[in-house]
Amino acid sequence: MTVIADSIIDWGALLQVIYISAIAGIAIAAVLGTGIVASLRAQDSDGATALALNGVMVVSVILVGIAIVTGIYFLTDK
């Protein structure tokens, strides 16, 4: 059975997909978490601090949106 699986499965490509997906998932979760924390802290702040924290939240949402669009592009391109 191993010989058949080796001829069907490209193990190198499969491992590449696994580690790229893991890295991307962790990165996207970290960016989104940063945006959520910034948004929550902005609610407790005032003035320039709140404005800066809301800016961090907006940038985080934009980055996650770009990641989603890029992922969909690569899924439909292949």
Protein backbone atom coordinates (compact mmCIF):
# COMPACT_ATOMS: atom_id res chain seq x y z
CA MET A 1 0.00 0.00 0.00
CA THR A 2 2.81 2.43 0.73
CA VAL A 3 4.12 2.14 -2.81
CA ILE A 4 0.69 3.02 -4.22
CA ALA A 5 0.31 5.99 -1.86
CA ASP A 6 3.76 7.28 -2.77
CA SER A 7 2.88 7.25 -6.46
CA ILE A 8 -0.39 9.09 -5.87
CA ILE A 9 0.55 11.60 -3.15
CA ASP A 10 3.19 14.27 -3.52
CA TRP A 11 4.33 14.31 0.12
CA GLY A 12 6.52 17.39 -0.30
CA ALA A 13 3.66 19.46 -1.69
CA LEU A 14 1.32 18.17 1.02
CA LEU A 15 3.73 19.15 3.81
CA GLN A 16 4.21 22.56 2.18
CA VAL A 17 0.45 23.15 2.19
CA ILE A 18 0.24 22.07 5.83
CA TYR A 19 2.96 24.37 7.16
CA ILE A 20 1.94 27.35 5.00
CA SER A 21 -1.67 26.95 6.19
CA ALA A 22 -0.55 26.73 9.82
CA ILE A 23 1.64 29.83 9.54
CA ALA A 24 -1.07 31.80 7.73
CA GLY A 25 -3.71 30.74 10.24
CA ILE A 26 -1.61 31.78 13.20
CA ALA A 27 -0.66 35.09 11.57
CA ILE A 28 -4.25 35.95 10.65
CA ALA A 29 -5.47 35.06 14.15
CA ALA A 30 -2.74 37.23 15.71
CA VAL A 31 -3.57 40.22 13.49
CA LEU A 32 -7.29 39.86 14.15
CA GLY A 33 -6.66 39.47 17.89
CA THR A 34 -4.56 42.63 17.87
CA GLY A 35 -7.41 44.49 16.19
CA ILE A 36 -9.94 43.23 18.72
CA VAL A 37 -7.74 44.17 21.68
CA ALA A 38 -7.11 47.61 20.18
CA SER A 39 -10.84 48.14 19.67
CA LEU A 40 -11.64 47.15 23.23
CA ARG A 41 -8.92 49.37 24.66
CA ALA A 42 -10.08 52.28 22.49
CA GLN A 43 -13.47 52.13 24.20
CA ASP A 44 -11.78 52.80 27.55
CA SER A 45 -9.46 55.51 26.21
CA ASP A 46 -10.01 59.06 25.10
CA GLY A 47 -8.41 61.56 22.76
CA ALA A 48 -5.38 60.68 20.67
CA THR A 49 -4.95 57.29 22.30
CA ALA A 50 -8.44 56.19 21.25
CA LEU A 51 -7.83 57.49 17.73
CA ALA A 52 -4.55 55.58 17.46
CA LEU A 53 -6.11 52.37 18.79
CA ASN A 54 -9.01 52.68 16.34
CA GLY A 55 -6.43 53.13 13.58
CA VAL A 56 -4.75 49.89 14.64
CA MET A 57 -8.14 48.17 14.51
CA VAL A 58 -8.85 49.48 11.00
CA VAL A 59 -5.43 48.36 9.75
CA SER A 60 -6.00 44.92 11.29
CA VAL A 61 -9.36 44.54 9.57
CA ILE A 62 -7.85 45.62 6.24
CA LEU A 63 -4.99 43.13 6.59
CA VAL A 64 -7.37 40.28 7.41
CA GLY A 65 -9.54 41.28 4.44
CA ILE A 66 -6.50 41.23 2.16
CA ALA A 67 -5.56 37.79 3.50
CA ILE A 68 -9.06 36.48 2.78
CA VAL A 69 -9.10 37.89 -0.75
CA THR A 70 -5.62 36.50 -1.42
CA GLY A 71 -6.67 33.07 -0.14
CA ILE A 72 -9.75 33.03 -2.34
CA TYR A 73 -7.66 34.12 -5.32
CA PHE A 74 -5.18 31.28 -4.83
CA LEU A 75 -8.00 28.76 -4.32
CA THR A 76 -9.71 29.74 -7.57
CA ASP A 77 -6.46 30.18 -9.54
CA LYS A 78 -5.26 26.59 -9.13
